[in-house]
Amino acid sequence: MRALPQGERMEATSNTFSRTLLAVLAHLGLLAAWYAFVALGDVPKYVMPSPLAKALFDANYNWWLNSGVTALEIFVGYFLALAVGVTLALLFTWSKALEAFFMPLLVSLNMIPKVALGPLIIVWFKYGIFPNSLMAFSIAVFPILLTTARGLRETEPELLDLVRALRGSRWQLFTKIQLPGALPYIFSGMKVGAILAVAGAIVGEFLSSDKGLGYLMLQVQVTLDTPAMFMAVILITLIGVALYGSVLLLERLLVSKDARIT
């Protein structure tokens, strides 16, 4: 990767700062609108609490433990989906027969509503972190597989023929040619998968869990503890933003700006 001239580096830094500032202002604007809606509209606390409500930070709900459980489920399911999705895409690229055999089956399995898998997951795996991670995996793996497979196929045939003519191995073909060219597509699938993994883990906690933020939301819903529900939603969002931000940072480090898929 070539080093950018000083002028281009300063411009890139300025653009990054501007985008970060706009993102921060957007979130602050949302908080301000939330506060104004509650304060000026005289909304009851059980309908929507103020963002400054102390109940949002009530320690009785063991926020750290439940947040840690949910984060673990999301990250385990996501990285499992990433490993399986990229591996399957690579195998399908190497073997058309393998793709023709397995891809229709994977499409059919992906059409199954994940909520419908909840009772089966309870029977097979009972309660715990692994079943919820499996739910996150099942939702996130398919977009990663599809985008990675497409990226691997986008490689110019002339480059592949050149490496084969130079007696390059299949591994060299993958690491030197296919993988660098497919990185923009892989990261595109990773960003979609990060969003879906969060949803999958929470769905799993709704269906079969005794810990986590999703489980906690079901418990406080019975008592109409709206501040606690809002706090759970905020923490789930922060975990998702942390995962998505990590993917963006990694993409910035590995993929040039012109090659990124927005």
Protein backbone atom coordinates (compact mmCIF):
# COMPACT_ATOMS: atom_id res chain seq x y z
CA MET A 1 0.00 0.00 0.00
CA ARG A 2 1.51 3.29 -1.10
CA ALA A 3 2.09 6.12 1.37
CA LEU A 4 -0.19 9.08 0.83
CA PRO A 5 1.29 12.53 0.24
CA GLN A 6 1.03 14.93 3.15
CA GLY A 7 -1.78 16.91 1.52
CA GLU A 8 -3.87 13.80 0.95
CA ARG A 9 -3.21 12.61 4.51
CA MET A 10 -4.39 15.92 5.93
CA GLU A 11 -7.49 15.84 3.74
CA ALA A 12 -8.26 12.26 4.80
CA THR A 13 -7.80 13.19 8.48
CA SER A 14 -10.06 16.21 8.05
CA ASN A 15 -12.77 14.11 6.38
CA THR A 16 -12.58 11.51 9.13
CA PHE A 17 -12.87 14.18 11.82
CA SER A 18 -15.85 15.77 10.05
CA ARG A 19 -17.67 12.45 9.73
CA THR A 20 -16.97 11.59 13.37
CA LEU A 21 -18.19 15.01 14.50
CA LEU A 22 -21.40 14.66 12.48
CA ALA A 23 -22.00 11.19 13.95
CA VAL A 24 -21.55 12.53 17.51
CA LEU A 25 -23.84 15.48 16.81
CA ALA A 26 -26.50 13.15 15.39
CA HIS A 27 -26.50 11.07 18.58
CA LEU A 28 -26.55 14.15 20.79
CA GLY A 29 -29.44 15.49 18.73
CA LEU A 30 -31.35 12.25 19.29
CA LEU A 31 -30.80 12.51 23.05
CA ALA A 32 -31.91 16.13 23.02
CA ALA A 33 -35.06 15.26 21.07
CA TRP A 34 -35.76 12.41 23.49
CA TYR A 35 -35.40 14.72 26.50
CA ALA A 36 -37.53 17.45 24.91
CA PHE A 37 -40.26 14.97 23.99
CA VAL A 38 -40.47 13.64 27.54
CA ALA A 39 -40.14 17.02 29.28
CA LEU A 40 -42.38 19.13 27.07
CA GLY A 41 -44.92 16.43 26.31
CA ASP A 42 -45.40 15.47 29.96
CA VAL A 43 -45.02 11.79 29.04
CA PRO A 44 -45.51 9.32 31.94
CA LYS A 45 -42.32 7.57 33.07
CA TYR A 46 -43.82 4.13 32.49
CA VAL A 47 -44.30 5.05 28.82
CA MET A 48 -40.92 6.67 28.16
CA PRO A 49 -38.39 7.69 30.82
CA SER A 50 -36.14 10.70 30.56
CA PRO A 51 -32.59 10.01 29.32
CA LEU A 52 -31.44 11.56 32.60
CA ALA A 53 -33.49 9.21 34.79
CA LYS A 54 -31.45 7.60 37.55
CA ALA A 55 -33.45 4.41 37.13
CA LEU A 56 -31.65 3.82 33.84
CA PHE A 57 -28.52 3.05 35.82
CA ASP A 58 -30.09 0.98 38.60
CA ALA A 59 -27.50 -1.56 39.75
CA ASN A 60 -30.12 -4.07 40.93
CA TYR A 61 -30.30 -5.62 37.47
CA ASN A 62 -26.62 -6.63 37.35
CA TRP A 63 -26.01 -4.80 34.09
CA TRP A 64 -22.36 -5.86 33.82
CA LEU A 65 -23.06 -9.58 34.02
CA ASN A 66 -26.01 -9.51 31.64
CA SER A 67 -24.16 -7.25 29.19
CA GLY A 68 -21.17 -9.57 29.27
CA VAL A 69 -23.33 -12.62 28.54
CA THR A 70 -25.05 -10.92 25.61
CA ALA A 71 -21.76 -9.59 24.22
CA LEU A 72 -20.20 -13.06 24.44
CA GLU A 73 -23.13 -14.61 22.57
CA ILE A 74 -22.95 -11.97 19.85
CA PHE A 75 -19.19 -12.16 19.35
CA VAL A 76 -19.01 -15.96 19.44
CA GLY A 77 -21.87 -16.30 16.95
CA TYR A 78 -20.44 -13.58 14.72
CA PHE A 79 -16.90 -14.92 14.52
CA LEU A 80 -18.21 -18.45 13.98
CA ALA A 81 -20.33 -17.12 11.11
CA LEU A 82 -17.31 -15.30 9.69
CA ALA A 83 -15.11 -18.40 9.79
CA VAL A 84 -17.74 -20.73 8.33
CA GLY A 85 -18.97 -18.23 5.73
CA VAL A 86 -15.51 -17.45 4.34
CA THR A 87 -14.48 -21.12 4.37
CA LEU A 88 -17.61 -22.25 2.52
CA ALA A 89 -17.24 -19.43 -0.01
CA LEU A 90 -13.67 -20.51 -0.69
CA LEU A 91 -14.68 -24.15 -1.11
CA PHE A 92 -17.50 -23.18 -3.46
CA THR A 93 -15.08 -21.11 -5.52
CA TRP A 94 -12.72 -24.06 -5.84
CA SER A 95 -15.43 -26.59 -6.70
CA LYS A 96 -18.47 -25.79 -8.84
CA ALA A 97 -19.91 -29.26 -8.13
CA LEU A 98 -19.70 -28.63 -4.39
CA GLU A 99 -21.48 -25.31 -4.80
CA ALA A 100 -24.20 -26.83 -7.00
CA PHE A 101 -24.80 -29.51 -4.37
CA PHE A 102 -24.76 -27.47 -1.17
CA MET A 103 -25.86 -23.96 -2.11
CA PRO A 104 -29.54 -24.83 -2.78
CA LEU A 105 -29.62 -26.66 0.54
CA LEU A 106 -28.14 -23.66 2.35
CA VAL A 107 -30.68 -21.35 0.71
CA SER A 108 -33.53 -23.60 1.84
CA LEU A 109 -32.19 -23.76 5.39
CA ASN A 110 -31.79 -19.99 5.46
CA MET A 111 -35.46 -19.59 4.55
CA ILE A 112 -36.51 -21.21 7.82
CA PRO A 113 -37.72 -18.48 10.23
CA LYS A 114 -35.18 -18.39 13.01
CA VAL A 115 -37.89 -17.87 15.62
CA ALA A 116 -39.31 -21.25 14.58
CA LEU A 117 -35.99 -22.84 15.54
CA GLY A 118 -36.37 -21.68 19.13
CA PRO A 119 -38.32 -24.71 20.45
CA LEU A 120 -35.92 -27.08 18.67
CA ILE A 121 -32.88 -25.30 20.09
CA ILE A 122 -34.34 -25.64 23.59
CA VAL A 123 -34.85 -29.39 23.05
CA TRP A 124 -31.39 -29.93 21.56
CA PHE A 125 -29.20 -27.60 23.61
CA LYS A 126 -31.39 -26.43 26.52
CA TYR A 127 -30.50 -23.00 27.92
CA GLY A 128 -27.21 -21.18 27.86
CA ILE A 129 -24.76 -19.11 25.89
CA PHE A 130 -24.08 -21.64 23.14
CA PRO A 131 -27.68 -21.93 21.85
CA ASN A 132 -27.97 -18.14 21.62
CA SER A 133 -24.60 -17.93 19.89
CA LEU A 134 -25.86 -20.56 17.48
CA MET A 135 -28.90 -18.40 16.76
CA ALA A 136 -26.65 -15.41 16.04
CA PHE A 137 -24.50 -17.61 13.80
CA SER A 138 -27.47 -18.93 11.82
CA ILE A 139 -28.65 -15.41 10.96
CA ALA A 140 -25.25 -13.86 10.21
CA VAL A 141 -23.53 -16.59 8.20
CA PHE A 142 -25.49 -16.42 4.95
CA PRO A 143 -24.79 -12.79 3.93
CA ILE A 144 -21.10 -13.30 4.72
CA LEU A 145 -21.09 -16.43 2.55
CA LEU A 146 -22.83 -14.77 -0.40
CA THR A 147 -20.75 -11.60 -0.49
CA THR A 148 -17.48 -13.46 0.00
CA ALA A 149 -18.29 -15.91 -2.77
CA ARG A 150 -19.11 -13.04 -5.10
CA GLY A 151 -15.88 -11.24 -4.22
CA LEU A 152 -13.79 -14.35 -4.88
CA ARG A 153 -15.43 -14.73 -8.29
CA GLU A 154 -14.76 -11.11 -9.23
CA THR A 155 -11.03 -11.80 -9.62
CA GLU A 156 -9.79 -11.13 -13.15
CA PRO A 157 -9.30 -14.44 -15.02
CA GLU A 158 -6.05 -13.15 -16.54
CA LEU A 159 -4.48 -12.85 -13.08
CA LEU A 160 -5.55 -16.36 -12.16
CA ASP A 161 -4.15 -17.75 -15.42
CA LEU A 162 -0.87 -15.93 -14.81
CA VAL A 163 -0.43 -17.42 -11.33
CA ARG A 164 -1.29 -20.89 -12.63
CA ALA A 165 1.19 -20.48 -15.48
CA LEU A 166 3.87 -19.64 -12.91
CA ARG A 167 2.98 -22.90 -11.09
CA GLY A 168 1.49 -21.10 -8.12
CA SER A 169 -0.28 -23.29 -5.60
CA ARG A 170 -3.96 -23.02 -4.84
CA TRP A 171 -3.10 -21.46 -1.48
CA GLN A 172 -0.90 -18.85 -3.15
CA LEU A 173 -3.67 -18.15 -5.64
CA PHE A 174 -6.02 -17.50 -2.75
CA THR A 175 -3.72 -15.44 -0.50
CA LYS A 176 -2.02 -13.36 -3.20
CA ILE A 177 -4.81 -12.76 -5.71
CA GLN A 178 -8.31 -13.79 -4.63
CA LEU A 179 -8.33 -12.70 -0.99
CA PRO A 180 -6.99 -9.14 -1.52
CA GLY A 181 -9.46 -8.59 -4.34
CA ALA A 182 -12.36 -10.03 -2.34
CA LEU A 183 -11.70 -8.02 0.85
CA PRO A 184 -14.17 -5.20 -0.02
CA TYR A 185 -16.92 -7.78 -0.51
CA ILE A 186 -15.95 -9.69 2.62
CA PHE A 187 -16.15 -6.55 4.72
CA SER A 188 -19.48 -5.67 3.14
CA GLY A 189 -20.85 -9.01 4.32
CA MET A 190 -19.16 -8.61 7.69
CA LYS A 191 -20.96 -5.31 8.29
CA VAL A 192 -24.33 -6.84 7.46
CA GLY A 193 -23.50 -9.89 9.55
CA ALA A 194 -22.57 -7.72 12.55
CA ILE A 195 -26.05 -6.20 12.56
CA LEU A 196 -27.78 -9.56 12.13
CA ALA A 197 -25.67 -11.26 14.82
CA VAL A 198 -26.97 -8.80 17.41
CA ALA A 199 -30.55 -9.49 16.38
CA GLY A 200 -29.95 -13.24 16.42
CA ALA A 201 -28.49 -13.30 19.91
CA ILE A 202 -31.38 -11.24 21.33
CA VAL A 203 -33.95 -13.46 19.62
CA GLY A 204 -32.21 -16.44 21.18
CA GLU A 205 -32.39 -14.84 24.63
CA PHE A 206 -36.08 -14.12 24.15
CA LEU A 207 -36.71 -17.78 23.38
CA SER A 208 -34.32 -19.76 25.55
CA SER A 209 -32.15 -18.04 28.13
CA ASP A 210 -31.75 -17.40 31.82
CA LYS A 211 -29.18 -14.58 31.48
CA GLY A 212 -28.47 -11.66 29.19
CA LEU A 213 -30.04 -8.35 28.26
CA GLY A 214 -32.80 -9.92 26.17
CA TYR A 215 -33.77 -12.18 29.04
CA LEU A 216 -33.69 -9.18 31.39
CA MET A 217 -36.02 -7.24 29.10
CA LEU A 218 -38.61 -10.00 29.36
CA GLN A 219 -38.35 -9.98 33.15
CA VAL A 220 -38.81 -6.23 33.59
CA GLN A 221 -41.59 -6.12 31.01
CA VAL A 222 -43.86 -7.93 33.45
CA THR A 223 -43.51 -5.12 36.00
CA LEU A 224 -43.65 -2.33 33.38
CA ASP A 225 -40.17 -1.20 34.36
CA THR A 226 -39.73 0.92 31.25
CA PRO A 227 -36.43 2.56 32.34
CA ALA A 228 -34.82 -0.86 32.71
CA MET A 229 -36.11 -1.88 29.27
CA PHE A 230 -34.64 1.28 27.77
CA MET A 231 -31.33 0.66 29.50
CA ALA A 232 -31.21 -2.88 28.10
CA VAL A 233 -31.89 -1.55 24.61
CA ILE A 234 -29.15 1.07 25.01
CA LEU A 235 -26.61 -1.52 26.15
CA ILE A 236 -27.54 -3.88 23.30
CA THR A 237 -27.06 -1.00 20.88
CA LEU A 238 -23.67 -0.13 22.35
CA ILE A 239 -22.49 -3.73 21.98
CA GLY A 240 -23.64 -3.75 18.36
CA VAL A 241 -21.97 -0.40 17.68
CA ALA A 242 -18.72 -1.69 19.21
CA LEU A 243 -18.79 -4.74 16.92
CA TYR A 244 -19.70 -2.71 13.83
CA GLY A 245 -17.08 -0.09 14.66
CA SER A 246 -14.42 -2.79 15.00
CA VAL A 247 -15.30 -4.06 11.53
CA LEU A 248 -15.09 -0.53 10.11
CA LEU A 249 -11.71 0.04 11.75
CA LEU A 250 -10.37 -3.24 10.41
CA GLU A 251 -11.68 -2.37 6.95
CA ARG A 252 -9.95 1.01 7.10
CA LEU A 253 -6.66 -0.72 7.93
CA LEU A 254 -6.86 -3.47 5.29
CA VAL A 255 -8.83 -2.01 2.39
CA SER A 256 -7.95 1.13 0.46
CA LYS A 257 -10.54 3.89 0.41
CA ASP A 258 -11.26 3.60 -3.30
CA ALA A 259 -11.97 -0.12 -3.03
CA ARG A 260 -14.44 0.03 -0.14
CA ILE A 261 -18.07 -0.85 -0.83
CA THR A 262 -20.34 1.75 0.78
